[in-house]
Structure formats: C-alpha cells, structure tokens
Amino acid sequence: MKVLLKVEEIPLGSTVVKRSGSVPYVLRDRIVIGGGGRPQEIVAGPGTKFLFGDHGNITTVADHVEMLWEISMDDLTFWLEQQKEETP
C-alpha cells in the first residue's frame, strides 16, 4: 500500500517513492561515510532529509514535499495508533 504524506511525517528508515515516480528510496536524516578508522557523519540540514536509492545514489528532499510511503496495512495501523497516543 502507498500513503501520500509530507516527508516530515514519514518515519526515518521508511521506503518512499516520488509522487510521479516508481523508484524506491529509503528516507534518512544522516549519512555515515567510512568504516575503518573514524567514520564521518553528515546530518541533513534543517527542513531536509536524504533519499537513498538502490544503486547508491543519494539526494535530498525538503520536509514539506509529499511522497508516497510504502507500508503494509498492519504497519500503517500500528503507526496510526502511535500517532493517536502521541497527540494531546
């Protein structure tokens, strides 16, 4: 199932697709480069996230952009219940 939401509302680590696309991306807020000595971390700027593609491509997207979140019905139900509990 795909749900249209603003990037800022989609949990990090989720698989997303651009509204008019079909390529899946994983939503992240940081990049870690290097694994040997001291890995370097790059954190997305305010109001942005990173999109990681299957072939190693990385791009940025603004939080206000709507994307399609790929999620199962069970996971969506669980996420909605969490949102309900967190809302005062």
N, C-alpha and C. Protein backbone atom coordinates (compact mmCIF):
# COMPACT_ATOMS: atom_id res chain seq x y z
N MET A 1 0.85 -1.15 0.00
CA MET A 1 0.00 0.00 0.00
C MET A 1 0.90 1.22 0.00
N LYS A 2 0.43 2.31 -0.62
CA LYS A 2 1.17 3.57 -0.63
C LYS A 2 0.29 4.67 -0.05
N VAL A 3 0.90 5.47 0.84
CA VAL A 3 0.19 6.55 1.51
C VAL A 3 0.91 7.86 1.19
N LEU A 4 0.16 8.86 0.74
CA LEU A 4 0.74 10.15 0.39
C LEU A 4 0.83 11.02 1.65
N LEU A 5 2.07 11.38 2.03
CA LEU A 5 2.32 12.20 3.21
C LEU A 5 3.48 13.15 2.94
N LYS A 6 3.58 14.21 3.75
CA LYS A 6 4.76 15.07 3.70
C LYS A 6 5.93 14.29 4.28
N VAL A 7 7.11 14.54 3.74
CA VAL A 7 8.32 13.84 4.18
C VAL A 7 8.50 13.94 5.69
N GLU A 8 8.22 15.11 6.26
CA GLU A 8 8.42 15.30 7.71
C GLU A 8 7.52 14.40 8.56
N GLU A 9 6.47 13.83 7.99
CA GLU A 9 5.55 12.96 8.72
C GLU A 9 5.88 11.48 8.57
N ILE A 10 6.79 11.16 7.67
CA ILE A 10 7.14 9.76 7.39
C ILE A 10 8.30 9.33 8.27
N PRO A 11 8.20 8.18 8.93
CA PRO A 11 9.29 7.72 9.80
C PRO A 11 10.59 7.47 9.03
N LEU A 12 11.71 7.83 9.66
CA LEU A 12 13.02 7.56 9.07
C LEU A 12 13.20 6.06 8.88
N GLY A 13 13.88 5.68 7.82
CA GLY A 13 14.09 4.28 7.51
C GLY A 13 13.00 3.68 6.64
N SER A 14 11.97 4.48 6.38
CA SER A 14 10.85 4.00 5.55
C SER A 14 11.21 4.04 4.07
N THR A 15 10.54 3.20 3.29
CA THR A 15 10.69 3.23 1.84
C THR A 15 9.65 4.18 1.26
N VAL A 16 10.13 5.09 0.42
CA VAL A 16 9.25 6.09 -0.20
C VAL A 16 9.48 6.11 -1.71
N VAL A 17 8.50 6.67 -2.42
CA VAL A 17 8.57 6.84 -3.87
C VAL A 17 8.11 8.25 -4.18
N LYS A 18 8.78 8.89 -5.13
CA LYS A 18 8.34 10.22 -5.55
C LYS A 18 6.93 10.10 -6.13
N ARG A 19 6.14 11.16 -5.98
CA ARG A 19 4.73 11.15 -6.42
C ARG A 19 4.55 10.66 -7.85
N SER A 20 5.42 11.10 -8.74
CA SER A 20 5.26 10.75 -10.15
C SER A 20 6.27 9.69 -10.59
N GLY A 21 6.89 9.01 -9.62
CA GLY A 21 7.93 8.04 -9.96
C GLY A 21 7.62 6.63 -9.54
N SER A 22 8.59 5.77 -9.76
CA SER A 22 8.44 4.37 -9.37
C SER A 22 9.70 3.84 -8.68
N VAL A 23 10.73 4.68 -8.58
CA VAL A 23 11.99 4.26 -7.97
C VAL A 23 11.88 4.36 -6.45
N PRO A 24 12.15 3.26 -5.74
CA PRO A 24 12.09 3.31 -4.27
C PRO A 24 13.35 3.95 -3.67
N TYR A 25 13.14 4.68 -2.60
CA TYR A 25 14.22 5.30 -1.83
C TYR A 25 14.00 5.00 -0.36
N VAL A 26 15.07 5.02 0.42
CA VAL A 26 14.96 4.90 1.88
C VAL A 26 15.22 6.28 2.46
N LEU A 27 14.33 6.71 3.35
CA LEU A 27 14.38 8.03 3.95
C LEU A 27 15.31 8.02 5.17
N ARG A 28 16.30 8.92 5.17
CA ARG A 28 17.27 9.01 6.27
C ARG A 28 17.52 10.48 6.62
N ASP A 29 18.07 10.70 7.82
CA ASP A 29 18.42 12.07 8.20
C ASP A 29 19.92 12.26 8.35
N ARG A 30 20.69 11.20 8.06
CA ARG A 30 22.15 11.30 8.16
C ARG A 30 22.83 10.28 7.26
N ILE A 31 24.07 10.58 6.92
CA ILE A 31 24.90 9.70 6.10
C ILE A 31 26.17 9.42 6.90
N VAL A 32 26.58 8.18 6.97
CA VAL A 32 27.84 7.82 7.62
C VAL A 32 28.77 7.31 6.52
N ILE A 33 29.95 7.95 6.42
CA ILE A 33 30.92 7.61 5.38
C ILE A 33 32.17 7.05 6.03
N GLY A 34 32.66 5.94 5.52
CA GLY A 34 33.87 5.33 6.05
C GLY A 34 33.54 4.34 7.14
N GLY A 35 34.36 3.33 7.25
CA GLY A 35 34.08 2.33 8.26
C GLY A 35 35.32 1.93 9.03
N GLY A 36 36.47 2.21 8.47
CA GLY A 36 37.72 1.78 9.10
C GLY A 36 38.06 2.58 10.34
N GLY A 37 38.78 3.65 10.15
CA GLY A 37 39.26 4.45 11.27
C GLY A 37 38.17 5.22 11.98
N ARG A 38 37.88 6.39 11.47
CA ARG A 38 36.87 7.23 12.11
C ARG A 38 35.81 7.60 11.08
N PRO A 39 34.67 6.97 11.13
CA PRO A 39 33.62 7.30 10.17
C PRO A 39 33.18 8.76 10.32
N GLN A 40 32.85 9.37 9.21
CA GLN A 40 32.36 10.73 9.18
C GLN A 40 30.85 10.70 9.02
N GLU A 41 30.18 11.58 9.76
CA GLU A 41 28.72 11.63 9.70
C GLU A 41 28.29 12.97 9.11
N ILE A 42 27.38 12.91 8.16
CA ILE A 42 26.79 14.11 7.57
C ILE A 42 25.32 14.10 7.94
N VAL A 43 24.88 15.16 8.60
CA VAL A 43 23.49 15.27 9.04
C VAL A 43 22.75 16.19 8.07
N ALA A 44 21.55 15.79 7.69
CA ALA A 44 20.73 16.60 6.79
C ALA A 44 20.46 17.96 7.44
N GLY A 45 20.45 18.99 6.62
CA GLY A 45 20.18 20.34 7.13
C GLY A 45 18.74 20.47 7.61
N PRO A 46 18.46 21.54 8.33
CA PRO A 46 17.10 21.77 8.82
C PRO A 46 16.08 21.76 7.68
N GLY A 47 15.00 21.05 7.89
CA GLY A 47 13.93 21.00 6.89
C GLY A 47 14.20 20.10 5.71
N THR A 48 15.21 19.22 5.81
CA THR A 48 15.53 18.30 4.71
C THR A 48 15.80 16.90 5.22
N LYS A 49 15.72 15.95 4.32
CA LYS A 49 16.08 14.56 4.58
C LYS A 49 16.87 14.05 3.38
N PHE A 50 17.52 12.91 3.55
CA PHE A 50 18.22 12.24 2.46
C PHE A 50 17.35 11.12 1.91
N LEU A 51 17.46 10.90 0.61
CA LEU A 51 16.83 9.76 -0.05
C LEU A 51 17.95 8.87 -0.58
N PHE A 52 18.00 7.61 -0.12
CA PHE A 52 19.00 6.66 -0.56
C PHE A 52 18.37 5.72 -1.59
N GLY A 53 18.94 5.69 -2.80
CA GLY A 53 18.45 4.81 -3.84
C GLY A 53 19.10 3.45 -3.79
N ASP A 54 18.53 2.50 -4.53
CA ASP A 54 19.04 1.13 -4.58
C ASP A 54 20.44 1.01 -5.16
N HIS A 55 20.82 1.95 -6.02
CA HIS A 55 22.10 1.85 -6.72
C HIS A 55 23.15 2.79 -6.14
N GLY A 56 22.98 3.19 -4.88
CA GLY A 56 23.96 4.02 -4.22
C GLY A 56 23.78 5.52 -4.43
N ASN A 57 22.76 5.89 -5.17
CA ASN A 57 22.52 7.32 -5.37
C ASN A 57 21.85 7.92 -4.13
N ILE A 58 22.27 9.14 -3.81
CA ILE A 58 21.73 9.85 -2.65
C ILE A 58 21.32 11.25 -3.11
N THR A 59 20.16 11.67 -2.68
CA THR A 59 19.68 13.01 -2.98
C THR A 59 18.99 13.57 -1.75
N THR A 60 18.68 14.85 -1.79
CA THR A 60 17.97 15.46 -0.66
C THR A 60 16.56 15.82 -1.08
N VAL A 61 15.70 15.95 -0.08
CA VAL A 61 14.31 16.33 -0.32
C VAL A 61 13.87 17.20 0.85
N ALA A 62 13.07 18.21 0.55
CA ALA A 62 12.54 19.10 1.59
C ALA A 62 11.44 18.39 2.37
N ASP A 63 11.34 18.72 3.66
CA ASP A 63 10.34 18.10 4.53
C ASP A 63 8.91 18.34 4.09
N HIS A 64 8.64 19.45 3.39
CA HIS A 64 7.26 19.78 3.01
C HIS A 64 6.80 19.06 1.74
N VAL A 65 7.72 18.38 1.06
CA VAL A 65 7.38 17.67 -0.18
C VAL A 65 6.57 16.42 0.15
N GLU A 66 5.53 16.18 -0.63
CA GLU A 66 4.73 14.96 -0.45
C GLU A 66 5.33 13.81 -1.24
N MET A 67 5.43 12.66 -0.57
CA MET A 67 5.94 11.45 -1.21
C MET A 67 5.02 10.29 -0.84
N LEU A 68 5.15 9.23 -1.61
CA LEU A 68 4.36 8.02 -1.34
C LEU A 68 5.16 7.10 -0.43
N TRP A 69 4.57 6.80 0.71
CA TRP A 69 5.19 5.93 1.71
C TRP A 69 4.69 4.52 1.47
N GLU A 70 5.61 3.58 1.24
CA GLU A 70 5.25 2.18 1.03
C GLU A 70 5.19 1.49 2.39
N ILE A 71 4.00 0.98 2.74
CA ILE A 71 3.79 0.40 4.06
C ILE A 71 2.69 -0.65 4.01
N SER A 72 2.80 -1.65 4.87
CA SER A 72 1.75 -2.67 4.94
C SER A 72 0.58 -2.13 5.75
N MET A 73 -0.57 -2.73 5.60
CA MET A 73 -1.76 -2.31 6.34
C MET A 73 -1.55 -2.46 7.85
N ASP A 74 -0.92 -3.55 8.27
CA ASP A 74 -0.65 -3.76 9.69
C ASP A 74 0.26 -2.68 10.26
N ASP A 75 1.33 -2.37 9.52
CA ASP A 75 2.27 -1.35 9.99
C ASP A 75 1.62 0.03 9.99
N LEU A 76 0.77 0.30 9.01
CA LEU A 76 0.07 1.58 8.98
C LEU A 76 -0.87 1.71 10.17
N THR A 77 -1.59 0.66 10.48
CA THR A 77 -2.50 0.67 11.63
C THR A 77 -1.72 0.92 12.92
N PHE A 78 -0.58 0.25 13.09
CA PHE A 78 0.26 0.45 14.27
C PHE A 78 0.75 1.89 14.34
N TRP A 79 1.21 2.44 13.21
CA TRP A 79 1.71 3.82 13.16
C TRP A 79 0.61 4.81 13.51
N LEU A 80 -0.59 4.58 12.97
CA LEU A 80 -1.72 5.48 13.28
C LEU A 80 -2.07 5.45 14.75
N GLU A 81 -2.02 4.27 15.37
CA GLU A 81 -2.29 4.16 16.80
C GLU A 81 -1.24 4.92 17.61
N GLN A 82 0.01 4.83 17.19
CA GLN A 82 1.08 5.57 17.87
C GLN A 82 0.84 7.08 17.76
N GLN A 83 0.44 7.53 16.57
CA GLN A 83 0.18 8.95 16.36
C GLN A 83 -0.96 9.44 17.24
N LYS A 84 -1.96 8.59 17.36
CA LYS A 84 -3.12 8.92 18.17
C LYS A 84 -2.73 9.09 19.64
N GLU A 85 -1.86 8.19 20.13
CA GLU A 85 -1.40 8.23 21.52
C GLU A 85 -0.52 9.44 21.80
N GLU A 86 0.25 9.88 20.79
CA GLU A 86 1.18 10.99 20.96
C GLU A 86 0.49 12.35 20.84
N THR A 87 -0.69 12.39 20.28
CA THR A 87 -1.41 13.64 20.10
C THR A 87 -2.16 13.99 21.38
N PRO A 88 -1.88 15.19 21.93
CA PRO A 88 -2.56 15.56 23.20
C PRO A 88 -4.04 15.83 23.01
